[in-house]
Amino acid sequence: MKRAPIDFVIAWVDGGDPLWLEEKNKYLAQEFGEESVIDKGDYRYRDWGLLPYWFRAVEAYAPWVRKIHFVTCGQHPDWLKLDHPKLHIVDHKDYIPEEFLPTFNSHTIELNMHRIRGLSEQFVYFNDDMFITRPVKPDDFFHKGLPRDVFALDAIYCATGSAGSYNCNDVAVINDHFDKRKQCRKYWKKWFRPEYTLRKNYRTAALLPWHWFPGFYYQHLPSNFLKSTLETVWELEGDLLAATSREKFRSKLHVNQWLFKYWQLADGKFAPMRLENGHCYHLRDKGVGGLCESIRTNKYQLICINDTDQTTDFEKKKADIIAAFETILPAKSSFER
């Protein structure tokens, strides 16, 4: 039987583009006042110089991907071959409704992905800090038409600067549409699996007594989605998603793309996977020796290199990580000029 196509979607912005910065700061001033023009989250946009290695990794480790949808606000790197047969350049205006534009809100960019022209039913969404670092197969992402995922209940961590507010808003929607006890009876064989590890299974068991979902374990790694999931949630919660999409910048009142992931988990529309397939490295004041070693040794299938406001020695860390990628992916890909 022929395998259904799988696409990759990656969102990228050139945070150093003067025209983009000018427009961003104009809307920041309108929304928050002149004192907020300097966005405290500027670290989210700085360039680590790693995008070429994302494309090299896809070509080397996932040559089976059908199409790469490269989502930008009209920008693209000078080195990228725009006419590559596997590449689809997607401007925000190509798929995000006009009433939501312009946007500097990553939630808007992600919540509307199902509108991308030609997007396959099965797709994997990457932030631009998420990389493949050893060979992967289609079955690592989708099995018998279902997205691979790890199910584990969790308590939501809420603190200043955390993503807890988005998490809470997402889970509130899940509890409006699903009864935990009923879903557990239907899908308990997917809720408890040896590949999740004893710790994750125990945590799920400990949170079973309550009839509502307290939260879900989330891996900060690429997300496997069915396009139809996004369409379903928009059909049922369109006003809520539109309210988030109208905001130019992220807010604690928003939902985000995790809602689609949690919906698939609660609805049983996923295939269990191993927990240890990837790792997220949060860059702070410590060195990046462990991260670089994992790249050089192809330790994981997937990694996330998560920049933070506590990252120190940026230029040195950047050079060290690039050097690590050069050891495994030294040659240009066909996506590069």
C-alpha atoms as a PDB file:
ATOM      1  CA  MET A   1       0.000   0.000   0.000  1.00  0.00           C
ATOM      2  CA  LYS A   2       1.321   3.429  -0.934  1.00  0.00           C
ATOM      3  CA  ARG A   3       2.385   5.554   2.021  1.00  0.00           C
ATOM      4  CA  ALA A   4       0.502   8.821   2.531  1.00  0.00           C
ATOM      5  CA  PRO A   5       2.704  11.894   1.987  1.00  0.00           C
ATOM      6  CA  ILE A   6       4.249  13.741   4.907  1.00  0.00           C
ATOM      7  CA  ASP A   7       5.175  17.424   4.702  1.00  0.00           C
ATOM      8  CA  PHE A   8       7.372  19.535   6.962  1.00  0.00           C
ATOM      9  CA  VAL A   9       6.411  23.071   7.994  1.00  0.00           C
ATOM     10  CA  ILE A  10       9.013  25.445   9.416  1.00  0.00           C
ATOM     11  CA  ALA A  11       8.407  29.034  10.509  1.00  0.00           C
ATOM     12  CA  TRP A  12      11.311  31.494  10.261  1.00  0.00           C
ATOM     13  CA  VAL A  13      11.912  35.205  10.666  1.00  0.00           C
ATOM     14  CA  ASP A  14      14.966  37.359  10.052  1.00  0.00           C
ATOM     15  CA  GLY A  15      14.914  39.226  13.351  1.00  0.00           C
ATOM     16  CA  GLY A  16      17.729  41.508  12.197  1.00  0.00           C
ATOM     17  CA  ASP A  17      15.887  42.852   9.158  1.00  0.00           C
ATOM     18  CA  PRO A  18      15.626  46.666   9.662  1.00  0.00           C
ATOM     19  CA  LEU A  19      12.297  46.933   7.815  1.00  0.00           C
ATOM     20  CA  TRP A  20      10.779  44.098   9.860  1.00  0.00           C
ATOM     21  CA  LEU A  21      12.087  45.626  13.101  1.00  0.00           C
ATOM     22  CA  GLU A  22      10.693  49.035  12.185  1.00  0.00           C
ATOM     23  CA  GLU A  23       7.222  47.622  11.565  1.00  0.00           C
ATOM     24  CA  LYS A  24       7.358  45.439  14.682  1.00  0.00           C
ATOM     25  CA  ASN A  25       8.376  48.361  16.896  1.00  0.00           C
ATOM     26  CA  LYS A  26       5.664  50.557  15.362  1.00  0.00           C
ATOM     27  CA  TYR A  27       2.973  48.092  16.437  1.00  0.00           C
ATOM     28  CA  LEU A  28       4.628  47.556  19.817  1.00  0.00           C
ATOM     29  CA  ALA A  29       4.458  51.293  20.459  1.00  0.00           C
ATOM     30  CA  GLN A  30       0.790  51.409  19.442  1.00  0.00           C
ATOM     31  CA  GLU A  31      -0.107  48.503  21.706  1.00  0.00           C
ATOM     32  CA  PHE A  32       2.123  49.005  24.738  1.00  0.00           C
ATOM     33  CA  GLY A  33       3.468  52.570  24.509  1.00  0.00           C
ATOM     34  CA  GLU A  34       6.849  53.947  23.537  1.00  0.00           C
ATOM     35  CA  GLU A  35       8.520  52.552  26.652  1.00  0.00           C
ATOM     36  CA  SER A  36       7.873  49.023  25.354  1.00  0.00           C
ATOM     37  CA  VAL A  37       9.366  49.484  21.888  1.00  0.00           C
ATOM     38  CA  ILE A  38      12.414  47.470  22.940  1.00  0.00           C
ATOM     39  CA  ASP A  39      10.873  44.013  23.109  1.00  0.00           C
ATOM     40  CA  LYS A  40      12.132  42.095  26.125  1.00  0.00           C
ATOM     41  CA  GLY A  41      11.842  38.967  24.006  1.00  0.00           C
ATOM     42  CA  ASP A  42      14.362  40.006  21.352  1.00  0.00           C
ATOM     43  CA  TYR A  43      16.386  36.871  22.114  1.00  0.00           C
ATOM     44  CA  ARG A  44      13.557  34.965  20.428  1.00  0.00           C
ATOM     45  CA  TYR A  45      14.515  36.492  17.082  1.00  0.00           C
ATOM     46  CA  ARG A  46      18.323  36.502  17.063  1.00  0.00           C
ATOM     47  CA  ASP A  47      20.083  34.495  14.396  1.00  0.00           C
ATOM     48  CA  TRP A  48      22.234  31.539  15.429  1.00  0.00           C
ATOM     49  CA  GLY A  49      23.284  30.855  11.843  1.00  0.00           C
ATOM     50  CA  LEU A  50      21.923  27.307  12.013  1.00  0.00           C
ATOM     51  CA  LEU A  51      19.225  27.323   9.315  1.00  0.00           C
ATOM     52  CA  PRO A  52      21.485  25.815   6.595  1.00  0.00           C
ATOM     53  CA  TYR A  53      22.018  22.802   8.863  1.00  0.00           C
ATOM     54  CA  TRP A  54      18.264  22.360   9.214  1.00  0.00           C
ATOM     55  CA  PHE A  55      18.028  21.896   5.441  1.00  0.00           C
ATOM     56  CA  ARG A  56      21.157  19.749   5.307  1.00  0.00           C
ATOM     57  CA  ALA A  57      19.719  17.492   8.009  1.00  0.00           C
ATOM     58  CA  VAL A  58      16.390  17.115   6.212  1.00  0.00           C
ATOM     59  CA  GLU A  59      18.159  16.135   2.999  1.00  0.00           C
ATOM     60  CA  ALA A  60      20.553  13.743   4.756  1.00  0.00           C
ATOM     61  CA  TYR A  61      18.254  12.210   7.356  1.00  0.00           C
ATOM     62  CA  ALA A  62      14.691  12.587   5.972  1.00  0.00           C
ATOM     63  CA  PRO A  63      14.987  12.455   2.159  1.00  0.00           C
ATOM     64  CA  TRP A  64      11.501  10.935   1.969  1.00  0.00           C
ATOM     65  CA  VAL A  65       9.716  14.187   2.937  1.00  0.00           C
ATOM     66  CA  ARG A  66       7.360  15.296   0.173  1.00  0.00           C
ATOM     67  CA  LYS A  67       7.404  19.085   0.622  1.00  0.00           C
ATOM     68  CA  ILE A  68       8.915  21.706   2.918  1.00  0.00           C
ATOM     69  CA  HIS A  69       6.630  24.675   3.557  1.00  0.00           C
ATOM     70  CA  PHE A  70       8.937  27.529   4.584  1.00  0.00           C
ATOM     71  CA  VAL A  71       6.776  30.120   6.361  1.00  0.00           C
ATOM     72  CA  THR A  72       8.027  33.731   6.505  1.00  0.00           C
ATOM     73  CA  CYS A  73       6.735  37.301   6.393  1.00  0.00           C
ATOM     74  CA  GLY A  74       8.140  37.858   2.924  1.00  0.00           C
ATOM     75  CA  GLN A  75      11.756  37.219   3.912  1.00  0.00           C
ATOM     76  CA  HIS A  76      14.144  34.499   2.838  1.00  0.00           C
ATOM     77  CA  PRO A  77      17.882  33.843   3.283  1.00  0.00           C
ATOM     78  CA  ASP A  78      20.049  34.887   0.345  1.00  0.00           C
ATOM     79  CA  TRP A  79      21.570  31.421   0.158  1.00  0.00           C
ATOM     80  CA  LEU A  80      18.270  29.546  -0.180  1.00  0.00           C
ATOM     81  CA  LYS A  81      17.308  28.134  -3.613  1.00  0.00           C
ATOM     82  CA  LEU A  82      13.752  29.377  -3.912  1.00  0.00           C
ATOM     83  CA  ASP A  83      13.045  27.199  -6.969  1.00  0.00           C
ATOM     84  CA  HIS A  84      13.954  23.902  -5.291  1.00  0.00           C
ATOM     85  CA  PRO A  85      11.252  21.366  -6.266  1.00  0.00           C
ATOM     86  CA  LYS A  86      10.636  20.330  -2.653  1.00  0.00           C
ATOM     87  CA  LEU A  87      10.452  23.887  -1.320  1.00  0.00           C
ATOM     88  CA  HIS A  88       7.273  25.934  -0.994  1.00  0.00           C
ATOM     89  CA  ILE A  89       7.884  29.523   0.153  1.00  0.00           C
ATOM     90  CA  VAL A  90       4.837  30.631   2.149  1.00  0.00           C
ATOM     91  CA  ASP A  91       4.319  34.305   2.920  1.00  0.00           C
ATOM     92  CA  HIS A  92       2.043  35.112   5.865  1.00  0.00           C
ATOM     93  CA  LYS A  93      -0.368  36.784   3.473  1.00  0.00           C
ATOM     94  CA  ASP A  94      -0.576  33.566   1.436  1.00  0.00           C
ATOM     95  CA  TYR A  95      -2.457  31.715   4.165  1.00  0.00           C
ATOM     96  CA  ILE A  96      -3.257  33.889   7.186  1.00  0.00           C
ATOM     97  CA  PRO A  97      -6.575  35.784   6.805  1.00  0.00           C
ATOM     98  CA  GLU A  98      -6.056  39.480   6.069  1.00  0.00           C
ATOM     99  CA  GLU A  99      -7.860  40.556   9.240  1.00  0.00           C
ATOM    100  CA  PHE A 100      -5.019  39.042  11.311  1.00  0.00           C
ATOM    101  CA  LEU A 101      -2.155  40.755   9.439  1.00  0.00           C
ATOM    102  CA  PRO A 102       0.472  41.938   9.907  1.00  0.00           C
ATOM    103  CA  THR A 103       1.346  39.680  12.820  1.00  0.00           C
ATOM    104  CA  PHE A 104       4.325  39.301  15.137  1.00  0.00           C
ATOM    105  CA  ASN A 105       2.461  36.657  17.121  1.00  0.00           C
ATOM    106  CA  SER A 106       3.833  33.135  16.671  1.00  0.00           C
ATOM    107  CA  HIS A 107       0.481  31.764  17.827  1.00  0.00           C
ATOM    108  CA  THR A 108      -1.268  33.353  14.851  1.00  0.00           C
ATOM    109  CA  ILE A 109       1.316  31.870  12.489  1.00  0.00           C
ATOM    110  CA  GLU A 110       0.841  28.383  13.992  1.00  0.00           C
ATOM    111  CA  LEU A 111      -2.917  28.313  14.569  1.00  0.00           C
ATOM    112  CA  ASN A 112      -3.611  28.923  10.867  1.00  0.00           C
ATOM    113  CA  MET A 113      -1.219  26.357   9.370  1.00  0.00           C
ATOM    114  CA  HIS A 114      -4.045  24.226   7.981  1.00  0.00           C
ATOM    115  CA  ARG A 115      -4.719  27.031   5.467  1.00  0.00           C
ATOM    116  CA  ILE A 116      -1.340  26.584   3.737  1.00  0.00           C
ATOM    117  CA  ARG A 117      -1.997  25.760   0.097  1.00  0.00           C
ATOM    118  CA  GLY A 118      -1.118  22.171  -0.796  1.00  0.00           C
ATOM    119  CA  LEU A 119      -0.335  21.099   2.780  1.00  0.00           C
ATOM    120  CA  SER A 120      -0.619  17.339   3.226  1.00  0.00           C
ATOM    121  CA  GLU A 121      -2.983  15.774   5.781  1.00  0.00           C
ATOM    122  CA  GLN A 122       0.038  14.482   7.704  1.00  0.00           C
ATOM    123  CA  PHE A 123       2.611  17.144   8.535  1.00  0.00           C
ATOM    124  CA  VAL A 124       5.371  17.863  11.036  1.00  0.00           C
ATOM    125  CA  TYR A 125       5.748  21.363  12.435  1.00  0.00           C
ATOM    126  CA  PHE A 126       9.241  22.622  13.312  1.00  0.00           C
ATOM    127  CA  ASN A 127      10.260  25.807  15.061  1.00  0.00           C
ATOM    128  CA  ASP A 128      13.492  27.045  13.510  1.00  0.00           C
ATOM    129  CA  ASP A 129      15.407  25.894  16.607  1.00  0.00           C
ATOM    130  CA  MET A 130      14.415  22.242  16.136  1.00  0.00           C
ATOM    131  CA  PHE A 131      16.673  19.888  14.184  1.00  0.00           C
ATOM    132  CA  ILE A 132      16.914  16.317  12.951  1.00  0.00           C
ATOM    133  CA  THR A 133      20.302  14.932  14.005  1.00  0.00           C
ATOM    134  CA  ARG A 134      20.209  11.331  12.801  1.00  0.00           C
ATOM    135  CA  PRO A 135      18.232   9.342  10.202  1.00  0.00           C
ATOM    136  CA  VAL A 136      14.471   9.197  10.690  1.00  0.00           C
ATOM    137  CA  LYS A 137      11.739   7.210   8.944  1.00  0.00           C
ATOM    138  CA  PRO A 138       8.180   8.235   8.123  1.00  0.00           C
ATOM    139  CA  ASP A 139       7.005   5.769  10.791  1.00  0.00           C
ATOM    140  CA  ASP A 140       8.873   7.786  13.411  1.00  0.00           C
ATOM    141  CA  PHE A 141       6.339  10.573  12.829  1.00  0.00           C
ATOM    142  CA  PHE A 142       3.163   8.802  11.685  1.00  0.00           C
ATOM    143  CA  HIS A 143       1.991   5.215  12.077  1.00  0.00           C
ATOM    144  CA  LYS A 144      -1.013   3.892  10.146  1.00  0.00           C
ATOM    145  CA  GLY A 145      -2.199   7.432   9.489  1.00  0.00           C
ATOM    146  CA  LEU A 146      -1.896   8.616  13.101  1.00  0.00           C
ATOM    147  CA  PRO A 147       0.642  11.083  14.517  1.00  0.00           C
ATOM    148  CA  ARG A 148       3.242   9.570  16.827  1.00  0.00           C
ATOM    149  CA  ASP A 149       3.165  10.957  20.358  1.00  0.00           C
ATOM    150  CA  VAL A 150       3.762  10.277  24.044  1.00  0.00           C
ATOM    151  CA  PHE A 151       0.736  10.325  26.350  1.00  0.00           C
ATOM    152  CA  ALA A 152       1.294  11.372  29.940  1.00  0.00           C
ATOM    153  CA  LEU A 153      -0.853  13.438  32.252  1.00  0.00           C
ATOM    154  CA  ASP A 154       0.947  16.250  34.022  1.00  0.00           C
ATOM    155  CA  ALA A 155       0.426  19.182  36.363  1.00  0.00           C
ATOM    156  CA  ILE A 156       0.807  22.565  34.680  1.00  0.00           C
ATOM    157  CA  TYR A 157       3.705  24.706  35.845  1.00  0.00           C
ATOM    158  CA  CYS A 158       2.693  28.342  36.130  1.00  0.00           C
ATOM    159  CA  ALA A 159       5.211  31.091  36.860  1.00  0.00           C
ATOM    160  CA  THR A 160       6.141  34.516  35.567  1.00  0.00           C
ATOM    161  CA  GLY A 161       7.698  34.089  32.143  1.00  0.00           C
ATOM    162  CA  SER A 162       6.571  30.485  31.774  1.00  0.00           C
ATOM    163  CA  ALA A 163       4.218  29.055  29.150  1.00  0.00           C
ATOM    164  CA  GLY A 164       1.834  27.938  31.891  1.00  0.00           C
ATOM    165  CA  SER A 165      -0.847  30.438  30.907  1.00  0.00           C
ATOM    166  CA  TYR A 166      -1.048  29.070  27.345  1.00  0.00           C
ATOM    167  CA  ASN A 167      -1.059  25.551  28.736  1.00  0.00           C
ATOM    168  CA  CYS A 168      -3.958  26.348  31.061  1.00  0.00           C
ATOM    169  CA  ASN A 169      -5.962  27.970  28.284  1.00  0.00           C
ATOM    170  CA  ASP A 170      -5.367  24.987  25.986  1.00  0.00           C
ATOM    171  CA  VAL A 171      -6.357  22.427  28.610  1.00  0.00           C
ATOM    172  CA  ALA A 172      -9.494  24.427  29.473  1.00  0.00           C
ATOM    173  CA  VAL A 173     -10.676  23.882  25.889  1.00  0.00           C
ATOM    174  CA  ILE A 174      -9.882  20.169  26.131  1.00  0.00           C
ATOM    175  CA  ASN A 175     -11.987  19.859  29.289  1.00  0.00           C
ATOM    176  CA  ASP A 176     -14.885  21.614  27.569  1.00  0.00           C
ATOM    177  CA  HIS A 177     -14.938  18.899  24.887  1.00  0.00           C
ATOM    178  CA  PHE A 178     -13.672  15.665  26.494  1.00  0.00           C
ATOM    179  CA  ASP A 179     -14.488  13.673  29.625  1.00  0.00           C
ATOM    180  CA  LYS A 180     -11.230  12.239  30.990  1.00  0.00           C
ATOM    181  CA  ARG A 181     -12.734   9.121  32.530  1.00  0.00           C
ATOM    182  CA  LYS A 182     -14.627   8.273  29.366  1.00  0.00           C
ATOM    183  CA  GLN A 183     -11.553   8.780  27.197  1.00  0.00           C
ATOM    184  CA  CYS A 184      -9.424   6.700  29.563  1.00  0.00           C
ATOM    185  CA  ARG A 185     -11.835   3.771  29.274  1.00  0.00           C
ATOM    186  CA  LYS A 186     -11.648   4.003  25.485  1.00  0.00           C
ATOM    187  CA  TYR A 187      -7.898   4.507  25.102  1.00  0.00           C
ATOM    188  CA  TRP A 188      -6.212   3.208  28.264  1.00  0.00           C
ATOM    189  CA  LYS A 189      -3.961   0.968  26.158  1.00  0.00           C
ATOM    190  CA  LYS A 190      -2.540   4.156  24.621  1.00  0.00           C
ATOM    191  CA  TRP A 191      -2.328   5.945  27.970  1.00  0.00           C
ATOM    192  CA  PHE A 192      -0.097   3.366  29.638  1.00  0.00           C
ATOM    193  CA  ARG A 193       2.819   2.046  27.627  1.00  0.00           C
ATOM    194  CA  PRO A 194       6.252   0.656  28.588  1.00  0.00           C
ATOM    195  CA  GLU A 195       7.937   2.961  26.047  1.00  0.00           C
ATOM    196  CA  TYR A 196       6.710   6.007  28.024  1.00  0.00           C
ATOM    197  CA  THR A 197       8.899   4.954  31.001  1.00  0.00           C
ATOM    198  CA  LEU A 198       7.718   3.998  34.488  1.00  0.00           C
ATOM    199  CA  ARG A 199       7.942   7.586  35.702  1.00  0.00           C
ATOM    200  CA  LYS A 200       5.519   8.924  33.072  1.00  0.00           C
ATOM    201  CA  ASN A 201       3.100   6.019  33.589  1.00  0.00           C
ATOM    202  CA  TYR A 202       3.158   6.579  37.346  1.00  0.00           C
ATOM    203  CA  ARG A 203       2.455  10.275  36.913  1.00  0.00           C
ATOM    204  CA  THR A 204      -0.549   9.506  34.709  1.00  0.00           C
ATOM    205  CA  ALA A 205      -1.853   6.978  37.259  1.00  0.00           C
ATOM    206  CA  ALA A 206      -1.432   9.478  40.103  1.00  0.00           C
ATOM    207  CA  LEU A 207      -3.551  12.045  38.247  1.00  0.00           C
ATOM    208  CA  LEU A 208      -6.350   9.650  37.285  1.00  0.00           C
ATOM    209  CA  PRO A 209      -8.735  10.222  40.245  1.00  0.00           C
ATOM    210  CA  TRP A 210      -9.897  13.612  38.993  1.00  0.00           C
ATOM    211  CA  HIS A 211     -12.515  13.496  36.248  1.00  0.00           C
ATOM    212  CA  TRP A 212     -10.917  16.415  34.359  1.00  0.00           C
ATOM    213  CA  PHE A 213      -7.625  16.671  32.492  1.00  0.00           C
ATOM    214  CA  PRO A 214      -5.069  18.498  34.699  1.00  0.00           C
ATOM    215  CA  GLY A 215      -2.561  18.913  31.873  1.00  0.00           C
ATOM    216  CA  PHE A 216      -0.385  16.949  29.459  1.00  0.00           C
ATOM    217  CA  TYR A 217       3.295  16.174  29.268  1.00  0.00           C
ATOM    218  CA  TYR A 218       4.808  18.200  26.449  1.00  0.00           C
ATOM    219  CA  GLN A 219       8.064  17.517  24.618  1.00  0.00           C
ATOM    220  CA  HIS A 220       9.582  20.735  23.259  1.00  0.00           C
ATOM    221  CA  LEU A 221      10.267  19.060  19.925  1.00  0.00           C
ATOM    222  CA  PRO A 222       8.696  19.014  16.445  1.00  0.00           C
ATOM    223  CA  SER A 223       4.946  18.327  16.547  1.00  0.00           C
ATOM    224  CA  ASN A 224       3.164  15.752  14.381  1.00  0.00           C
ATOM    225  CA  PHE A 225      -0.245  16.945  13.235  1.00  0.00           C
ATOM    226  CA  LEU A 226      -3.198  15.904  11.139  1.00  0.00           C
ATOM    227  CA  LYS A 227      -4.445  18.870   9.131  1.00  0.00           C
ATOM    228  CA  SER A 228      -7.977  17.682   9.850  1.00  0.00           C
ATOM    229  CA  THR A 229      -7.345  18.192  13.590  1.00  0.00           C
ATOM    230  CA  LEU A 230      -6.724  21.891  13.028  1.00  0.00           C
ATOM    231  CA  GLU A 231      -9.814  22.116  10.832  1.00  0.00           C
ATOM    232  CA  THR A 232     -11.951  20.404  13.490  1.00  0.00           C
ATOM    233  CA  VAL A 233     -10.796  22.683  16.306  1.00  0.00           C
ATOM    234  CA  TRP A 234     -11.373  25.773  14.151  1.00  0.00           C
ATOM    235  CA  GLU A 235     -14.872  24.532  13.371  1.00  0.00           C
ATOM    236  CA  LEU A 236     -15.678  24.049  17.065  1.00  0.00           C
ATOM    237  CA  GLU A 237     -13.668  26.887  18.635  1.00  0.00           C
ATOM    238  CA  GLY A 238     -13.318  29.372  15.791  1.00  0.00           C
ATOM    239  CA  ASP A 239     -14.120  32.447  17.881  1.00  0.00           C
ATOM    240  CA  LEU A 240     -11.453  31.584  20.428  1.00  0.00           C
ATOM    241  CA  LEU A 241      -8.772  30.895  17.811  1.00  0.00           C
ATOM    242  CA  ALA A 242      -9.674  34.054  15.910  1.00  0.00           C
ATOM    243  CA  ALA A 243      -9.403  36.113  19.118  1.00  0.00           C
ATOM    244  CA  THR A 244      -5.831  34.886  19.570  1.00  0.00           C
ATOM    245  CA  SER A 245      -5.020  35.395  15.895  1.00  0.00           C
ATOM    246  CA  ARG A 246      -6.140  39.044  15.940  1.00  0.00           C
ATOM    247  CA  GLU A 247      -3.530  39.990  18.543  1.00  0.00           C
ATOM    248  CA  LYS A 248      -0.294  41.338  17.052  1.00  0.00           C
ATOM    249  CA  PHE A 249       1.812  39.955  19.915  1.00  0.00           C
ATOM    250  CA  ARG A 250       1.595  37.021  22.277  1.00  0.00           C
ATOM    251  CA  SER A 251      -0.583  37.358  25.355  1.00  0.00           C
ATOM    252  CA  LYS A 252      -1.241  35.241  28.448  1.00  0.00           C
ATOM    253  CA  LEU A 253      -4.887  35.147  27.369  1.00  0.00           C
ATOM    254  CA  HIS A 254      -4.061  33.158  24.234  1.00  0.00           C
ATOM    255  CA  VAL A 255      -4.201  29.534  23.220  1.00  0.00           C
ATOM    256  CA  ASN A 256      -1.414  28.123  21.060  1.00  0.00           C
ATOM    257  CA  GLN A 257      -0.602  25.180  18.788  1.00  0.00           C
ATOM    258  CA  TRP A 258      -0.298  22.820  21.773  1.00  0.00           C
ATOM    259  CA  LEU A 259      -4.100  22.837  21.776  1.00  0.00           C
ATOM    260  CA  PHE A 260      -4.021  20.734  18.584  1.00  0.00           C
ATOM    261  CA  LYS A 261      -1.528  18.319  20.124  1.00  0.00           C
ATOM    262  CA  TYR A 262      -3.606  17.939  23.285  1.00  0.00           C
ATOM    263  CA  TRP A 263      -6.764  17.484  21.216  1.00  0.00           C
ATOM    264  CA  GLN A 264      -5.178  14.556  19.359  1.00  0.00           C
ATOM    265  CA  LEU A 265      -4.059  13.025  22.657  1.00  0.00           C
ATOM    266  CA  ALA A 266      -7.447  13.415  24.362  1.00  0.00           C
ATOM    267  CA  ASP A 267      -9.268  12.120  21.283  1.00  0.00           C
ATOM    268  CA  GLY A 268      -7.031   9.044  20.968  1.00  0.00           C
ATOM    269  CA  LYS A 269      -5.889  10.106  17.496  1.00  0.00           C
ATOM    270  CA  PHE A 270      -2.236   9.252  18.001  1.00  0.00           C
ATOM    271  CA  ALA A 271       0.107   6.282  17.874  1.00  0.00           C
ATOM    272  CA  PRO A 272       2.372   5.712  20.914  1.00  0.00           C
ATOM    273  CA  MET A 273       6.090   6.361  20.517  1.00  0.00           C
ATOM    274  CA  ARG A 274       9.292   6.068  22.551  1.00  0.00           C
ATOM    275  CA  LEU A 275       9.936   8.893  24.973  1.00  0.00           C
ATOM    276  CA  GLU A 276      13.689   9.009  24.326  1.00  0.00           C
ATOM    277  CA  ASN A 277      13.602   9.984  20.647  1.00  0.00           C
ATOM    278  CA  GLY A 278      14.672  13.573  21.308  1.00  0.00           C
ATOM    279  CA  HIS A 279      15.855  16.179  23.770  1.00  0.00           C
ATOM    280  CA  CYS A 280      15.414  19.917  24.327  1.00  0.00           C
ATOM    281  CA  TYR A 281      18.471  21.915  25.388  1.00  0.00           C
ATOM    282  CA  HIS A 282      17.588  25.151  27.190  1.00  0.00           C
ATOM    283  CA  LEU A 283      20.533  27.513  26.743  1.00  0.00           C
ATOM    284  CA  ARG A 284      21.348  29.545  29.822  1.00  0.00           C
ATOM    285  CA  ASP A 285      24.596  30.529  31.523  1.00  0.00           C
ATOM    286  CA  LYS A 286      26.183  27.083  31.339  1.00  0.00           C
ATOM    287  CA  GLY A 287      28.265  25.786  28.461  1.00  0.00           C
ATOM    288  CA  VAL A 288      26.973  23.845  25.462  1.00  0.00           C
ATOM    289  CA  GLY A 289      29.350  20.890  25.692  1.00  0.00           C
ATOM    290  CA  GLY A 290      26.569  18.352  26.204  1.00  0.00           C
ATOM    291  CA  LEU A 291      24.533  19.752  23.322  1.00  0.00           C
ATOM    292  CA  CYS A 292      27.527  19.772  20.976  1.00  0.00           C
ATOM    293  CA  GLU A 293      28.486  16.225  21.943  1.00  0.00           C
ATOM    294  CA  SER A 294      24.949  14.997  21.241  1.00  0.00           C
ATOM    295  CA  ILE A 295      25.122  16.576  17.774  1.00  0.00           C
ATOM    296  CA  ARG A 296      28.557  15.136  16.964  1.00  0.00           C
ATOM    297  CA  THR A 297      27.535  11.619  18.097  1.00  0.00           C
ATOM    298  CA  ASN A 298      24.020  11.680  16.575  1.00  0.00           C
ATOM    299  CA  LYS A 299      22.695  10.827  20.033  1.00  0.00           C
ATOM    300  CA  TYR A 300      19.077  11.793  19.328  1.00  0.00           C
ATOM    301  CA  GLN A 301      16.788  11.777  16.330  1.00  0.00           C
ATOM    302  CA  LEU A 302      15.506  15.243  17.200  1.00  0.00           C
ATOM    303  CA  ILE A 303      16.794  18.142  19.272  1.00  0.00           C
ATOM    304  CA  CYS A 304      15.640  21.618  20.192  1.00  0.00           C
ATOM    305  CA  ILE A 305      18.181  24.395  20.846  1.00  0.00           C
ATOM    306  CA  ASN A 306      16.057  26.732  22.932  1.00  0.00           C
ATOM    307  CA  ASP A 307      17.453  30.235  23.315  1.00  0.00           C
ATOM    308  CA  THR A 308      16.519  32.019  26.557  1.00  0.00           C
ATOM    309  CA  ASP A 309      16.885  35.422  28.172  1.00  0.00           C
ATOM    310  CA  GLN A 310      19.526  33.827  30.414  1.00  0.00           C
ATOM    311  CA  THR A 311      21.818  32.785  27.567  1.00  0.00           C
ATOM    312  CA  THR A 312      25.335  34.128  28.085  1.00  0.00           C
ATOM    313  CA  ASP A 313      28.398  34.135  25.781  1.00  0.00           C
ATOM    314  CA  PHE A 314      26.131  34.120  22.739  1.00  0.00           C
ATOM    315  CA  GLU A 315      28.860  34.400  20.090  1.00  0.00           C
ATOM    316  CA  LYS A 316      30.979  31.618  21.621  1.00  0.00           C
ATOM    317  CA  LYS A 317      27.995  29.291  22.039  1.00  0.00           C
ATOM    318  CA  LYS A 318      26.961  30.036  18.452  1.00  0.00           C
ATOM    319  CA  ALA A 319      30.445  29.201  17.129  1.00  0.00           C
ATOM    320  CA  ASP A 320      30.622  25.977  19.177  1.00  0.00           C
ATOM    321  CA  ILE A 321      27.231  24.753  17.950  1.00  0.00           C
ATOM    322  CA  ILE A 322      28.021  25.572  14.319  1.00  0.00           C
ATOM    323  CA  ALA A 323      31.298  23.667  14.657  1.00  0.00           C
ATOM    324  CA  ALA A 324      29.414  20.654  16.002  1.00  0.00           C
ATOM    325  CA  PHE A 325      26.985  20.685  13.081  1.00  0.00           C
ATOM    326  CA  GLU A 326      29.906  21.007  10.678  1.00  0.00           C
ATOM    327  CA  THR A 327      31.271  17.668  11.905  1.00  0.00           C
ATOM    328  CA  ILE A 328      28.142  15.792  10.800  1.00  0.00           C
ATOM    329  CA  LEU A 329      26.793  18.000   7.984  1.00  0.00           C
ATOM    330  CA  PRO A 330      29.761  19.730   6.318  1.00  0.00           C
ATOM    331  CA  ALA A 331      28.493  19.649   2.735  1.00  0.00           C
ATOM    332  CA  LYS A 332      25.965  22.052   1.285  1.00  0.00           C
ATOM    333  CA  SER A 333      22.520  20.655   0.584  1.00  0.00           C
ATOM    334  CA  SER A 334      20.711  21.014  -2.737  1.00  0.00           C
ATOM    335  CA  PHE A 335      18.627  23.738  -1.035  1.00  0.00           C
ATOM    336  CA  GLU A 336      21.698  26.027  -0.862  1.00  0.00           C
ATOM    337  CA  ARG A 337      23.074  28.179  -3.674  1.00  0.00           C
END
